[in-house]
C-alpha atoms as a PDB file:
ATOM      1  CA  UNK A   1     -17.508  -2.157 -14.890  1.00  0.00           C
ATOM      2  CA  UNK A   2     -19.429  -3.673 -11.956  1.00  0.00           C
ATOM      3  CA  UNK A   3     -19.976  -2.359  -8.489  1.00  0.00           C
ATOM      4  CA  UNK A   4     -18.395   0.987  -7.583  1.00  0.00           C
ATOM      5  CA  UNK A   5     -18.219   0.278  -3.837  1.00  0.00           C
ATOM      6  CA  UNK A   6     -14.696   0.104  -2.444  1.00  0.00           C
ATOM      7  CA  UNK A   7     -13.267  -0.802   0.971  1.00  0.00           C
ATOM      8  CA  UNK A   8      -9.931   0.651   2.135  1.00  0.00           C
ATOM      9  CA  UNK A   9      -8.432  -0.674   5.373  1.00  0.00           C
ATOM     10  CA  UNK A  10      -6.138   1.726   7.188  1.00  0.00           C
ATOM     11  CA  UNK A  11      -7.811   4.469   5.184  1.00  0.00           C
ATOM     12  CA  UNK A  12      -7.534   7.256   7.765  1.00  0.00           C
ATOM     13  CA  UNK A  13      -3.908   8.306   7.114  1.00  0.00           C
ATOM     14  CA  UNK A  14      -0.981   7.937   4.777  1.00  0.00           C
ATOM     15  CA  UNK A  15      -1.358   5.820   1.642  1.00  0.00           C
ATOM     16  CA  UNK A  16      -4.787   4.611   2.742  1.00  0.00           C
ATOM     17  CA  UNK A  17      -6.099   8.148   3.084  1.00  0.00           C
ATOM     18  CA  UNK A  18      -4.661   9.220  -0.253  1.00  0.00           C
ATOM     19  CA  UNK A  19      -6.244   6.137  -1.793  1.00  0.00           C
ATOM     20  CA  UNK A  20      -9.619   6.972  -0.329  1.00  0.00           C
ATOM     21  CA  UNK A  21      -9.433  10.407  -1.916  1.00  0.00           C
ATOM     22  CA  UNK A  22      -8.224   9.017  -5.286  1.00  0.00           C
ATOM     23  CA  UNK A  23     -11.010   6.423  -5.456  1.00  0.00           C
ATOM     24  CA  UNK A  24     -13.727   8.912  -4.532  1.00  0.00           C
ATOM     25  CA  UNK A  25     -12.371  11.118  -7.289  1.00  0.00           C
ATOM     26  CA  UNK A  26     -12.790   8.284  -9.736  1.00  0.00           C
ATOM     27  CA  UNK A  27     -16.436   7.679  -8.844  1.00  0.00           C
ATOM     28  CA  UNK A  28     -16.183   5.085  -6.079  1.00  0.00           C
ATOM     29  CA  UNK A  29     -18.259   4.986  -2.914  1.00  0.00           C
ATOM     30  CA  UNK A  30     -15.731   4.194  -0.203  1.00  0.00           C
ATOM     31  CA  UNK A  31     -15.949   2.404   3.168  1.00  0.00           C
ATOM     32  CA  UNK A  32     -13.007   3.161   5.428  1.00  0.00           C
ATOM     33  CA  UNK A  33     -11.949   0.539   8.001  1.00  0.00           C
ATOM     34  CA  UNK A  34      -9.612   1.779  10.766  1.00  0.00           C
ATOM     35  CA  UNK A  35      -9.392   2.386  14.494  1.00  0.00           C
ATOM     36  CA  UNK A  36      -9.091   6.173  14.883  1.00  0.00           C
ATOM     37  CA  UNK A  37     -12.363   8.100  15.049  1.00  0.00           C
ATOM     38  CA  UNK A  38     -10.961  11.507  13.984  1.00  0.00           C
ATOM     39  CA  UNK A  39      -9.342  10.002  10.903  1.00  0.00           C
ATOM     40  CA  UNK A  40     -12.487   8.015  10.022  1.00  0.00           C
ATOM     41  CA  UNK A  41     -14.604  11.138  10.160  1.00  0.00           C
ATOM     42  CA  UNK A  42     -12.100  13.063   8.070  1.00  0.00           C
ATOM     43  CA  UNK A  43     -11.822  10.306   5.449  1.00  0.00           C
ATOM     44  CA  UNK A  44     -15.611  10.081   5.065  1.00  0.00           C
ATOM     45  CA  UNK A  45     -15.753  13.891   4.709  1.00  0.00           C
ATOM     46  CA  UNK A  46     -13.222  13.617   1.898  1.00  0.00           C
ATOM     47  CA  UNK A  47     -15.392  11.016   0.097  1.00  0.00           C
ATOM     48  CA  UNK A  48     -18.539  13.126   0.489  1.00  0.00           C
ATOM     49  CA  UNK A  49     -16.719  16.276  -0.730  1.00  0.00           C
ATOM     50  CA  UNK A  50     -16.078  14.346  -3.963  1.00  0.00           C
ATOM     51  CA  UNK A  51     -19.794  13.708  -4.305  1.00  0.00           C
ATOM     52  CA  UNK A  52     -19.701  10.043  -3.315  1.00  0.00           C
ATOM     53  CA  UNK A  53     -21.013   8.050  -0.375  1.00  0.00           C
ATOM     54  CA  UNK A  54     -18.664   7.267   2.496  1.00  0.00           C
ATOM     55  CA  UNK A  55     -18.939   4.867   5.403  1.00  0.00           C
ATOM     56  CA  UNK A  56     -16.749   4.880   8.495  1.00  0.00           C
ATOM     57  CA  UNK A  57     -16.288   1.505  10.250  1.00  0.00           C
ATOM     58  CA  UNK A  58     -14.222   1.282  13.445  1.00  0.00           C
ATOM     59  CA  UNK A  59     -12.390  -1.966  12.992  1.00  0.00           C
ATOM     60  CA  UNK A  60      -9.139  -3.675  14.049  1.00  0.00           C
ATOM     61  CA  UNK A  61      -8.133  -5.715  11.009  1.00  0.00           C
ATOM     62  CA  UNK A  62      -6.319  -8.231  13.224  1.00  0.00           C
ATOM     63  CA  UNK A  63      -9.764  -9.216  14.519  1.00  0.00           C
ATOM     64  CA  UNK A  64     -11.123 -11.629  11.933  1.00  0.00           C
ATOM     65  CA  UNK A  65     -14.725 -11.535  13.176  1.00  0.00           C
ATOM     66  CA  UNK A  66     -14.696  -7.706  13.202  1.00  0.00           C
ATOM     67  CA  UNK A  67     -13.470  -7.649   9.561  1.00  0.00           C
ATOM     68  CA  UNK A  68     -16.196 -10.125   8.500  1.00  0.00           C
ATOM     69  CA  UNK A  69     -18.827  -8.000  10.289  1.00  0.00           C
ATOM     70  CA  UNK A  70     -17.464  -4.849   8.603  1.00  0.00           C
ATOM     71  CA  UNK A  71     -17.816  -6.491   5.151  1.00  0.00           C
ATOM     72  CA  UNK A  72     -21.429  -7.413   5.902  1.00  0.00           C
ATOM     73  CA  UNK A  73     -22.162  -3.849   6.956  1.00  0.00           C
ATOM     74  CA  UNK A  74     -20.594  -2.369   3.810  1.00  0.00           C
ATOM     75  CA  UNK A  75     -22.553  -4.695   1.584  1.00  0.00           C
ATOM     76  CA  UNK A  76     -25.745  -3.748   3.421  1.00  0.00           C
ATOM     77  CA  UNK A  77     -25.239   0.017   3.505  1.00  0.00           C
ATOM     78  CA  UNK A  78     -23.249   0.825   0.363  1.00  0.00           C
ATOM     79  CA  UNK A  79     -23.834  -2.169  -1.871  1.00  0.00           C
ATOM     80  CA  UNK A  80     -21.832  -5.033  -3.341  1.00  0.00           C
ATOM     81  CA  UNK A  81     -18.114  -4.576  -2.798  1.00  0.00           C
ATOM     82  CA  UNK A  82     -16.287  -4.331  -6.104  1.00  0.00           C
ATOM     83  CA  UNK A  83     -12.876  -3.360  -4.727  1.00  0.00           C
ATOM     84  CA  UNK A  84     -11.120  -4.206  -1.467  1.00  0.00           C
ATOM     85  CA  UNK A  85      -7.741  -2.574  -0.669  1.00  0.00           C
ATOM     86  CA  UNK A  86      -5.766  -4.166   2.185  1.00  0.00           C
ATOM     87  CA  UNK A  87      -3.489  -1.411   3.371  1.00  0.00           C
ATOM     88  CA  UNK A  88      -3.501  -1.268   7.211  1.00  0.00           C
ATOM     89  CA  UNK A  89      -0.299  -1.894   9.152  1.00  0.00           C
ATOM     90  CA  UNK A  90       1.642  -0.947  12.254  1.00  0.00           C
ATOM     91  CA  UNK A  91       5.417  -0.965  12.618  1.00  0.00           C
ATOM     92  CA  UNK A  92       8.494  -0.271  14.681  1.00  0.00           C
ATOM     93  CA  UNK A  93      12.087   0.863  14.360  1.00  0.00           C
ATOM     94  CA  UNK A  94      14.256  -1.421  16.497  1.00  0.00           C
ATOM     95  CA  UNK A  95      16.647  -4.362  16.272  1.00  0.00           C
ATOM     96  CA  UNK A  96      14.845  -7.687  16.475  1.00  0.00           C
ATOM     97  CA  UNK A  97      16.336  -8.510  19.908  1.00  0.00           C
ATOM     98  CA  UNK A  98      15.157  -5.177  21.353  1.00  0.00           C
ATOM     99  CA  UNK A  99      11.561  -5.622  20.113  1.00  0.00           C
ATOM    100  CA  UNK A 100       9.024  -6.682  22.718  1.00  0.00           C
ATOM    101  CA  UNK A 101       7.685 -10.191  21.679  1.00  0.00           C
ATOM    102  CA  UNK A 102       4.076  -9.173  22.264  1.00  0.00           C
ATOM    103  CA  UNK A 103       4.558  -6.086  20.094  1.00  0.00           C
ATOM    104  CA  UNK A 104       6.229  -8.262  17.432  1.00  0.00           C
ATOM    105  CA  UNK A 105       3.236 -10.590  17.326  1.00  0.00           C
ATOM    106  CA  UNK A 106       0.849  -7.675  17.222  1.00  0.00           C
ATOM    107  CA  UNK A 107       2.652  -6.038  14.302  1.00  0.00           C
ATOM    108  CA  UNK A 108       2.615  -9.344  12.443  1.00  0.00           C
ATOM    109  CA  UNK A 109      -1.086  -9.846  13.187  1.00  0.00           C
ATOM    110  CA  UNK A 110      -2.045  -6.393  11.834  1.00  0.00           C
ATOM    111  CA  UNK A 111       0.315  -6.171   8.908  1.00  0.00           C
ATOM    112  CA  UNK A 112       0.011  -9.741   7.667  1.00  0.00           C
ATOM    113  CA  UNK A 113      -3.115 -11.352   9.110  1.00  0.00           C
ATOM    114  CA  UNK A 114      -4.963  -8.073   8.558  1.00  0.00           C
ATOM    115  CA  UNK A 115      -4.519  -8.601   4.815  1.00  0.00           C
ATOM    116  CA  UNK A 116      -5.449 -12.292   5.159  1.00  0.00           C
ATOM    117  CA  UNK A 117      -8.631 -11.314   7.029  1.00  0.00           C
ATOM    118  CA  UNK A 118      -9.501  -8.638   4.522  1.00  0.00           C
ATOM    119  CA  UNK A 119      -8.930 -10.953   1.544  1.00  0.00           C
ATOM    120  CA  UNK A 120     -11.065 -13.660   3.107  1.00  0.00           C
ATOM    121  CA  UNK A 121     -13.922 -11.234   3.804  1.00  0.00           C
ATOM    122  CA  UNK A 122     -13.734  -9.817   0.300  1.00  0.00           C
ATOM    123  CA  UNK A 123     -13.665 -13.192  -1.411  1.00  0.00           C
ATOM    124  CA  UNK A 124     -16.603 -14.431   0.631  1.00  0.00           C
ATOM    125  CA  UNK A 125     -18.724 -11.904  -1.274  1.00  0.00           C
ATOM    126  CA  UNK A 126     -16.841 -11.652  -4.580  1.00  0.00           C
ATOM    127  CA  UNK A 127     -16.448 -15.304  -5.491  1.00  0.00           C
ATOM    128  CA  UNK A 128     -20.192 -16.084  -5.611  1.00  0.00           C
ATOM    129  CA  UNK A 129     -20.656 -13.020  -7.890  1.00  0.00           C
ATOM    130  CA  UNK A 130     -17.572 -13.964  -9.940  1.00  0.00           C
ATOM    131  CA  UNK A 131     -16.494 -10.323  -9.947  1.00  0.00           C
ATOM    132  CA  UNK A 132     -14.346  -7.935  -7.977  1.00  0.00           C
ATOM    133  CA  UNK A 133     -10.746  -6.805  -7.369  1.00  0.00           C
ATOM    134  CA  UNK A 134      -8.605  -7.237  -4.233  1.00  0.00           C
ATOM    135  CA  UNK A 135      -5.470  -5.119  -3.966  1.00  0.00           C
ATOM    136  CA  UNK A 136      -2.914  -6.212  -1.328  1.00  0.00           C
ATOM    137  CA  UNK A 137      -0.522  -3.389  -0.571  1.00  0.00           C
ATOM    138  CA  UNK A 138       2.983  -4.603  -0.525  1.00  0.00           C
ATOM    139  CA  UNK A 139       6.438  -3.033  -0.492  1.00  0.00           C
ATOM    140  CA  UNK A 140       9.823  -3.189  -2.109  1.00  0.00           C
ATOM    141  CA  UNK A 141      10.758  -4.517   1.333  1.00  0.00           C
ATOM    142  CA  UNK A 142       8.769  -7.669   0.631  1.00  0.00           C
ATOM    143  CA  UNK A 143      11.605  -8.504  -1.842  1.00  0.00           C
ATOM    144  CA  UNK A 144      14.550  -6.944  -0.016  1.00  0.00           C
ATOM    145  CA  UNK A 145      14.363  -6.672   3.758  1.00  0.00           C
ATOM    146  CA  UNK A 146      16.201  -3.929   5.656  1.00  0.00           C
ATOM    147  CA  UNK A 147      17.484  -3.653   9.248  1.00  0.00           C
ATOM    148  CA  UNK A 148      15.371  -2.383  12.134  1.00  0.00           C
ATOM    149  CA  UNK A 149      12.082  -3.493  10.516  1.00  0.00           C
ATOM    150  CA  UNK A 150      12.112  -7.263  10.763  1.00  0.00           C
ATOM    151  CA  UNK A 151       8.439  -7.493  11.859  1.00  0.00           C
ATOM    152  CA  UNK A 152       7.275  -5.306   8.958  1.00  0.00           C
ATOM    153  CA  UNK A 153       9.539  -6.908   6.357  1.00  0.00           C
ATOM    154  CA  UNK A 154       8.615 -10.421   7.507  1.00  0.00           C
ATOM    155  CA  UNK A 155       4.905  -9.553   7.342  1.00  0.00           C
ATOM    156  CA  UNK A 156       5.195  -8.060   3.845  1.00  0.00           C
ATOM    157  CA  UNK A 157       7.159 -11.142   2.635  1.00  0.00           C
ATOM    158  CA  UNK A 158       4.250 -13.226   4.008  1.00  0.00           C
ATOM    159  CA  UNK A 159       1.706 -11.089   2.243  1.00  0.00           C
ATOM    160  CA  UNK A 160       3.493 -11.625  -1.072  1.00  0.00           C
ATOM    161  CA  UNK A 161       3.547 -15.427  -0.665  1.00  0.00           C
ATOM    162  CA  UNK A 162      -0.061 -15.512   0.487  1.00  0.00           C
ATOM    163  CA  UNK A 163      -1.230 -13.365  -2.427  1.00  0.00           C
ATOM    164  CA  UNK A 164       0.614 -15.508  -4.990  1.00  0.00           C
ATOM    165  CA  UNK A 165      -0.951 -18.661  -3.613  1.00  0.00           C
ATOM    166  CA  UNK A 166      -4.509 -17.316  -3.531  1.00  0.00           C
ATOM    167  CA  UNK A 167      -4.184 -15.765  -6.965  1.00  0.00           C
ATOM    168  CA  UNK A 168      -3.379 -19.202  -8.436  1.00  0.00           C
ATOM    169  CA  UNK A 169      -6.269 -20.793  -6.516  1.00  0.00           C
ATOM    170  CA  UNK A 170      -8.613 -18.271  -8.137  1.00  0.00           C
ATOM    171  CA  UNK A 171      -7.211 -19.011 -11.561  1.00  0.00           C
ATOM    172  CA  UNK A 172      -7.548 -22.755 -10.964  1.00  0.00           C
ATOM    173  CA  UNK A 173     -11.296 -22.456 -10.391  1.00  0.00           C
ATOM    174  CA  UNK A 174     -11.707 -20.176 -13.381  1.00  0.00           C
ATOM    175  CA  UNK A 175     -12.731 -17.179 -11.257  1.00  0.00           C
ATOM    176  CA  UNK A 176     -12.854 -13.704 -12.760  1.00  0.00           C
ATOM    177  CA  UNK A 177     -12.059 -12.149  -9.353  1.00  0.00           C
ATOM    178  CA  UNK A 178      -8.667 -10.432  -9.585  1.00  0.00           C
ATOM    179  CA  UNK A 179      -6.070 -10.395  -6.810  1.00  0.00           C
ATOM    180  CA  UNK A 180      -3.399  -7.763  -7.349  1.00  0.00           C
ATOM    181  CA  UNK A 181      -0.361  -6.546  -5.452  1.00  0.00           C
ATOM    182  CA  UNK A 182       1.232  -3.097  -5.482  1.00  0.00           C
ATOM    183  CA  UNK A 183       4.859  -2.715  -4.403  1.00  0.00           C
ATOM    184  CA  UNK A 184       5.640   0.639  -2.805  1.00  0.00           C
ATOM    185  CA  UNK A 185       8.776   2.682  -2.065  1.00  0.00           C
ATOM    186  CA  UNK A 186       9.596   4.912   0.905  1.00  0.00           C
ATOM    187  CA  UNK A 187       6.627   7.269   1.478  1.00  0.00           C
ATOM    188  CA  UNK A 188       5.915  10.392   3.494  1.00  0.00           C
ATOM    189  CA  UNK A 189       3.149   9.213   5.801  1.00  0.00           C
ATOM    190  CA  UNK A 190       2.200   9.793   9.472  1.00  0.00           C
ATOM    191  CA  UNK A 191       3.254   6.190  10.317  1.00  0.00           C
ATOM    192  CA  UNK A 192       6.789   7.391  10.946  1.00  0.00           C
ATOM    193  CA  UNK A 193       5.417   9.563  13.773  1.00  0.00           C
ATOM    194  CA  UNK A 194       3.576   6.487  15.180  1.00  0.00           C
ATOM    195  CA  UNK A 195       6.207   3.718  14.972  1.00  0.00           C
ATOM    196  CA  UNK A 196       7.177   1.864  18.154  1.00  0.00           C
ATOM    197  CA  UNK A 197      10.632   3.435  18.126  1.00  0.00           C
ATOM    198  CA  UNK A 198      13.570   2.067  20.139  1.00  0.00           C
ATOM    199  CA  UNK A 199      16.259   4.151  18.386  1.00  0.00           C
ATOM    200  CA  UNK A 200      17.821   7.475  19.379  1.00  0.00           C
ATOM    201  CA  UNK A 201      16.660   9.215  16.191  1.00  0.00           C
ATOM    202  CA  UNK A 202      13.198   9.859  14.784  1.00  0.00           C
ATOM    203  CA  UNK A 203      12.050   7.224  12.221  1.00  0.00           C
ATOM    204  CA  UNK A 204      12.064   8.348   8.611  1.00  0.00           C
ATOM    205  CA  UNK A 205      11.342   6.590   5.298  1.00  0.00           C
ATOM    206  CA  UNK A 206      14.157   5.244   3.214  1.00  0.00           C
ATOM    207  CA  UNK A 207      15.102   7.787   0.486  1.00  0.00           C
ATOM    208  CA  UNK A 208      14.041   8.665  -2.117  1.00  0.00           C
ATOM    209  CA  UNK A 209      10.807   9.658  -0.394  1.00  0.00           C
ATOM    210  CA  UNK A 210       7.550   9.806  -2.377  1.00  0.00           C
ATOM    211  CA  UNK A 211       4.322  11.552  -1.533  1.00  0.00           C
ATOM    212  CA  UNK A 212       1.476   9.128  -0.597  1.00  0.00           C
ATOM    213  CA  UNK A 213      -0.536  10.345  -3.613  1.00  0.00           C
ATOM    214  CA  UNK A 214       2.023   8.630  -5.887  1.00  0.00           C
ATOM    215  CA  UNK A 215       1.102   5.269  -4.345  1.00  0.00           C
ATOM    216  CA  UNK A 216      -2.625   6.081  -4.327  1.00  0.00           C
ATOM    217  CA  UNK A 217      -2.574   6.730  -8.080  1.00  0.00           C
ATOM    218  CA  UNK A 218      -1.130   3.259  -8.604  1.00  0.00           C
ATOM    219  CA  UNK A 219      -3.750   1.588  -6.386  1.00  0.00           C
ATOM    220  CA  UNK A 220      -6.600   3.458  -8.026  1.00  0.00           C
ATOM    221  CA  UNK A 221      -5.243   2.412 -11.429  1.00  0.00           C
ATOM    222  CA  UNK A 222      -5.368  -1.249 -10.412  1.00  0.00           C
ATOM    223  CA  UNK A 223      -8.999  -0.861  -9.425  1.00  0.00           C
ATOM    224  CA  UNK A 224     -10.025  -0.407 -13.060  1.00  0.00           C
ATOM    225  CA  UNK A 225      -6.988  -2.048 -14.763  1.00  0.00           C
ATOM    226  CA  UNK A 226      -6.179  -5.057 -12.545  1.00  0.00           C
ATOM    227  CA  UNK A 227      -2.914  -6.890 -13.102  1.00  0.00           C
ATOM    228  CA  UNK A 228      -0.742  -9.286 -11.158  1.00  0.00           C
ATOM    229  CA  UNK A 229       1.718  -6.698  -9.709  1.00  0.00           C
ATOM    230  CA  UNK A 230       2.404  -3.010 -10.085  1.00  0.00           C
ATOM    231  CA  UNK A 231       5.728  -1.474  -8.971  1.00  0.00           C
ATOM    232  CA  UNK A 232       5.495   2.135  -7.794  1.00  0.00           C
ATOM    233  CA  UNK A 233       8.626   4.227  -7.629  1.00  0.00           C
ATOM    234  CA  UNK A 234      11.846   3.844  -9.532  1.00  0.00           C
ATOM    235  CA  UNK A 235      13.470   2.970  -6.207  1.00  0.00           C
ATOM    236  CA  UNK A 236      11.111   0.000  -5.909  1.00  0.00           C
ATOM    237  CA  UNK A 237      12.314  -1.202  -9.299  1.00  0.00           C
ATOM    238  CA  UNK A 238      16.015  -0.952  -8.573  1.00  0.00           C
ATOM    239  CA  UNK A 239      15.557  -2.474  -5.101  1.00  0.00           C
ATOM    240  CA  UNK A 240      13.745  -5.560  -6.436  1.00  0.00           C
ATOM    241  CA  UNK A 241      16.080  -5.944  -9.423  1.00  0.00           C
ATOM    242  CA  UNK A 242      19.146  -5.340  -7.218  1.00  0.00           C
ATOM    243  CA  UNK A 243      18.037  -8.080  -4.833  1.00  0.00           C
ATOM    244  CA  UNK A 244      17.750 -10.491  -7.738  1.00  0.00           C
ATOM    245  CA  UNK A 245      21.210  -9.554  -9.139  1.00  0.00           C
ATOM    246  CA  UNK A 246      23.377  -8.799  -6.107  1.00  0.00           C
ATOM    247  CA  UNK A 247      21.791  -9.759  -2.765  1.00  0.00           C
ATOM    248  CA  UNK A 248      25.162 -10.055  -0.954  1.00  0.00           C
ATOM    249  CA  UNK A 249      26.171  -6.583  -2.080  1.00  0.00           C
ATOM    250  CA  UNK A 250      22.898  -5.229  -0.650  1.00  0.00           C
ATOM    251  CA  UNK A 251      23.579  -7.027   2.644  1.00  0.00           C
ATOM    252  CA  UNK A 252      26.918  -5.204   2.834  1.00  0.00           C
ATOM    253  CA  UNK A 253      25.481  -1.840   1.744  1.00  0.00           C
ATOM    254  CA  UNK A 254      22.535  -1.946   4.133  1.00  0.00           C
ATOM    255  CA  UNK A 255      24.709  -2.976   7.049  1.00  0.00           C
ATOM    256  CA  UNK A 256      26.683   0.238   6.438  1.00  0.00           C
ATOM    257  CA  UNK A 257      23.901   2.655   5.646  1.00  0.00           C
ATOM    258  CA  UNK A 258      20.506   1.075   6.511  1.00  0.00           C
ATOM    259  CA  UNK A 259      20.386   2.002  10.185  1.00  0.00           C
ATOM    260  CA  UNK A 260      21.419   5.669   9.996  1.00  0.00           C
ATOM    261  CA  UNK A 261      19.402   6.092   6.790  1.00  0.00           C
ATOM    262  CA  UNK A 262      16.183   5.429   8.687  1.00  0.00           C
ATOM    263  CA  UNK A 263      16.676   8.076  11.371  1.00  0.00           C
ATOM    264  CA  UNK A 264      16.617  11.811  11.616  1.00  0.00           C
ATOM    265  CA  UNK A 265      17.116  14.297  14.459  1.00  0.00           C
ATOM    266  CA  UNK A 266      13.753  16.022  13.875  1.00  0.00           C
ATOM    267  CA  UNK A 267      11.121  14.594  16.267  1.00  0.00           C
ATOM    268  CA  UNK A 268       8.812  17.583  16.240  1.00  0.00           C
ATOM    269  CA  UNK A 269       5.673  15.580  15.376  1.00  0.00           C
ATOM    270  CA  UNK A 270       6.297  12.439  17.462  1.00  0.00           C
ATOM    271  CA  UNK A 271       2.877  11.120  18.500  1.00  0.00           C
ATOM    272  CA  UNK A 272       3.729   7.830  20.257  1.00  0.00           C
ATOM    273  CA  UNK A 273       3.310   4.222  19.187  1.00  0.00           C
ATOM    274  CA  UNK A 274       0.039   3.177  17.558  1.00  0.00           C
ATOM    275  CA  UNK A 275       0.751  -0.571  17.799  1.00  0.00           C
ATOM    276  CA  UNK A 276      -1.918  -1.197  20.441  1.00  0.00           C
ATOM    277  CA  UNK A 277      -4.241   1.802  19.994  1.00  0.00           C
ATOM    278  CA  UNK A 278      -4.839   4.675  17.541  1.00  0.00           C
ATOM    279  CA  UNK A 279      -2.908   7.874  18.046  1.00  0.00           C
ATOM    280  CA  UNK A 280      -4.962  10.485  16.238  1.00  0.00           C
ATOM    281  CA  UNK A 281      -6.068  11.792  19.671  1.00  0.00           C
ATOM    282  CA  UNK A 282      -8.904  13.847  18.271  1.00  0.00           C
ATOM    283  CA  UNK A 283      -6.795  15.225  15.394  1.00  0.00           C
ATOM    284  CA  UNK A 284      -7.228  14.141  11.791  1.00  0.00           C
ATOM    285  CA  UNK A 285      -3.635  13.897  10.525  1.00  0.00           C
ATOM    286  CA  UNK A 286      -4.519  13.314   6.838  1.00  0.00           C
ATOM    287  CA  UNK A 287      -2.358  11.634   4.270  1.00  0.00           C
ATOM    288  CA  UNK A 288       1.057  13.313   4.505  1.00  0.00           C
ATOM    289  CA  UNK A 289       3.686  12.931   7.185  1.00  0.00           C
ATOM    290  CA  UNK A 290       6.667  14.937   8.441  1.00  0.00           C
ATOM    291  CA  UNK A 291       8.791  14.773   5.319  1.00  0.00           C
ATOM    292  CA  UNK A 292       6.737  16.656   2.705  1.00  0.00           C
ATOM    293  CA  UNK A 293       9.661  19.015   2.130  1.00  0.00           C
ATOM    294  CA  UNK A 294      11.774  16.035   0.977  1.00  0.00           C
ATOM    295  CA  UNK A 295       9.140  14.066  -0.935  1.00  0.00           C
ATOM    296  CA  UNK A 296       8.449  13.974  -4.649  1.00  0.00           C
ATOM    297  CA  UNK A 297       4.963  13.912  -6.081  1.00  0.00           C
ATOM    298  CA  UNK A 298       5.619  12.270  -9.456  1.00  0.00           C
ATOM    299  CA  UNK A 299       7.157   9.024 -10.603  1.00  0.00           C
ATOM    300  CA  UNK A 300       7.978   8.437 -14.295  1.00  0.00           C
ATOM    301  CA  UNK A 301       8.433   4.695 -13.630  1.00  0.00           C
ATOM    302  CA  UNK A 302       4.917   4.010 -12.410  1.00  0.00           C
ATOM    303  CA  UNK A 303       3.416   6.466 -14.908  1.00  0.00           C
ATOM    304  CA  UNK A 304       5.026   4.541 -17.714  1.00  0.00           C
ATOM    305  CA  UNK A 305       3.982   1.229 -16.161  1.00  0.00           C
ATOM    306  CA  UNK A 306       0.366   2.307 -15.800  1.00  0.00           C
ATOM    307  CA  UNK A 307       0.305   3.361 -19.464  1.00  0.00           C
ATOM    308  CA  UNK A 308       2.471   0.677 -20.939  1.00  0.00           C
ATOM    309  CA  UNK A 309       0.281   0.303 -23.972  1.00  0.00           C
ATOM    310  CA  UNK A 310       0.856   3.900 -24.924  1.00  0.00           C
ATOM    311  CA  UNK A 311       4.558   3.674 -24.082  1.00  0.00           C
ATOM    312  CA  UNK A 312       4.860   0.459 -26.097  1.00  0.00           C
ATOM    313  CA  UNK A 313       3.161   2.065 -29.102  1.00  0.00           C
ATOM    314  CA  UNK A 314       5.415   5.080 -28.821  1.00  0.00           C
ATOM    315  CA  UNK A 315       8.493   2.898 -28.658  1.00  0.00           C
ATOM    316  CA  UNK A 316       7.286   0.841 -31.624  1.00  0.00           C
ATOM    317  CA  UNK A 317       6.634   4.028 -33.538  1.00  0.00           C
ATOM    318  CA  UNK A 318      10.077   5.340 -32.701  1.00  0.00           C
ATOM    319  CA  UNK A 319      11.608   2.083 -33.785  1.00  0.00           C
ATOM    320  CA  UNK A 320       9.734   2.133 -37.078  1.00  0.00           C
ATOM    321  CA  UNK A 321      10.738   5.733 -37.678  1.00  0.00           C
ATOM    322  CA  UNK A 322      14.370   4.934 -36.959  1.00  0.00           C
ATOM    323  CA  UNK A 323      14.215   1.952 -39.343  1.00  0.00           C
ATOM    324  CA  UNK A 324      12.699   4.076 -42.098  1.00  0.00           C
ATOM    325  CA  UNK A 325      15.342   6.765 -41.608  1.00  0.00           C
ATOM    326  CA  UNK A 326      18.111   4.172 -41.776  1.00  0.00           C
ATOM    327  CA  UNK A 327      16.609   2.747 -44.984  1.00  0.00           C
ATOM    328  CA  UNK A 328      16.463   6.232 -46.514  1.00  0.00           C
ATOM    329  CA  UNK A 329      20.069   6.857 -45.639  1.00  0.00           C
ATOM    330  CA  UNK A 330      21.152   3.566 -47.246  1.00  0.00           C
ATOM    331  CA  UNK A 331      19.302   4.525 -50.427  1.00  0.00           C
END
């Protein structure tokens, strides 16, 4: 199976934190790259509680040199990196014309170039060994953009194009290194308490809202069963398919519902923007956000996708049984 050392960027909260826990539970030693000290300490404690080794590395993924140095440190202290998960991002909720240009560039640097920097650092070590898995965390919004999140949507579109290009380059040289993408739905994470918000309401994920553990299960699955792309959440499936079938209808629908659907009146946990600096402020916020009462913790779509061999066999068996029954009826 190769090295059981993993790196998770943005692993202190939300999907990243849930992924750290899921990987440790599956026997991985995990290095966590992020900016917030409280979250780093909490994430490493989670890894150690699972009986694995953890390593906290304070790192801004937009800083290429810092990411390269972090990779060297992980290799030195935990061993060869077998899995690298690019998850870190920062975001906002605002019309494009109301978004500060410096903030826009910063969000793009973290959300897009952070994944570029992480992939480069991972491949620098994986390609000579001809082994390893890189998982770039994407979104349904990398296929169908929505209003108020042009920086995030643009960055995720860029991540998808970048990943497709590098994947083919690896194939062209006959590399056994795998580059995967996971496409995620709306999730209950602390990021909605940290967005650079310019709207009257409090940011909220697009419904239906899934618990971050749903996404983490998909990412952990790719670690041992790499594939080109994994869609998590039935809403991811119908968003991507809907964009392929009826993009103009989605333009109309999102113009009517997409702005109000991303806001709520409850701002009880507002922590301030984390675009320029971490906002854990000495408090480890964990994986979940402010919408746990509205989130679901299971997803039949991704469960079926992760076990498609079993599902295929069951469908084939059902088809064979139906055929036999029909033959008996004819006789």
